[in-house]
């Protein structure tokens, strides 16, 4: 029979083994739960991944089934081991109880030397003991396998828009399309620059002598005759009416005006204002725009020229051409474009000074009389240089003209202060300059 120390060691070993088995069951259960949770997390994370999700779901199901089988097998093995341990514990308890009863009933006294065994205990087997009490309740079983897959949840919200992808390679050029409908006619282009003057032609042959002209008109008066004899002194006439000083002053001014006054040219009109007398009307003339010679100023040519011993044909001298307006872009003068420029020579008998004021359409002060006003004009800046004249604001052209024959050309004058010494502020680049003709 085992000693009490050996029985205590056996009981301690059995308890340790039970604890070890319980810890193993707990660790296996925790590992199984962790694996199941991991599979569920992976399944939930990738459930919207299309074909990849389906493949991972299938792998997850297979892995879960495999883990379930392994867990079932481990659980069954643990259950068998626990059953064996329980049976061993029951047998140990039964043996322990039987030995206790035998010891109590059959302990040999000190006088029974003949019946005493080596451990002072009777060695005769006793009767079979009664079944032991029901053992303590076993540990909880392991967690069962996961249930079947649940119904798929509702679709989630659309994700944020992804980053723009790289541009694809340029595709091949498509076939040529059918011809489109012809567009509308464009606007007429701007008028080109004047062409260069042609070379002067050769002098033509001298014409035949003409027939004798009609008799001329009455000739000029002859020279004055010698003065006659001085007559006798006449009788004194009656006393005339008394004249006021103001009338005398006015009379003197009229007499002065008859012998002085001032003259100016009204460019663009054939008449003079009410403040002046018409000397004659005419047409504007000057040198051709691309010629280098001839005069540099404009002339108001009368309509009835007088010649004195002219030589027929061209002798390659200085030339005088008519003048045209070049104003197709300027609304006040656009109707005059290519028309011949007219003019008038005017005389102011009671004033002796005339002034053309550029860049203003008013006179310097109220002491001056404004004869007319308008726009400053001259030749084009790339053509032959000529003078500046004041063209009347109500300018007109010779009726019936308008064909582009060129000659002397009148252009409006624009200020240019960006890139020169003309001050910007009072002057604006690109604005047409005005003018006024004043007398005093």
Foldseek 3Di string as FASTA:
>chain_A
DDDPVVLVVVVVVLVVVVVVLVVVQVVLLVVLVVLVVVLVVVLVVCVPVPPVSVVSVVVSVVVLVVSQVVLVVVLVVSVVVVVVSVVVVQVSVQVVVQVVVQCVPFQDDPPPPVQADPVSGHPDDDDRDDRDDDDDDDDDGHDHRDDDDDDDDDDDDDDDDDDDDDDDDDDDDDDDDDDDDDDDDDDDDDDDDDDADDDDDDWDDDDDDDDDDDDDDDDDDDDDDDDDDDDDDDDDDDDDDDDDPVVVVVVVLLVQLVVAFDKDKAKQDQAFDPQWAFPAKAFKKFFFFADQDADQEIDGDHPDDDDDPDDPTDPPDHDMDWEAECCCPPVLCNVRGQFTIIMTMITRSNFHDKDKFKQDQDDPDPVKDWRAKWFWKFHDPPTHHHDIDGHGSNGDGDPPGRDNPGGGYIDFDFDDVVPDPDDPDSHDGPDTGMMIMITD
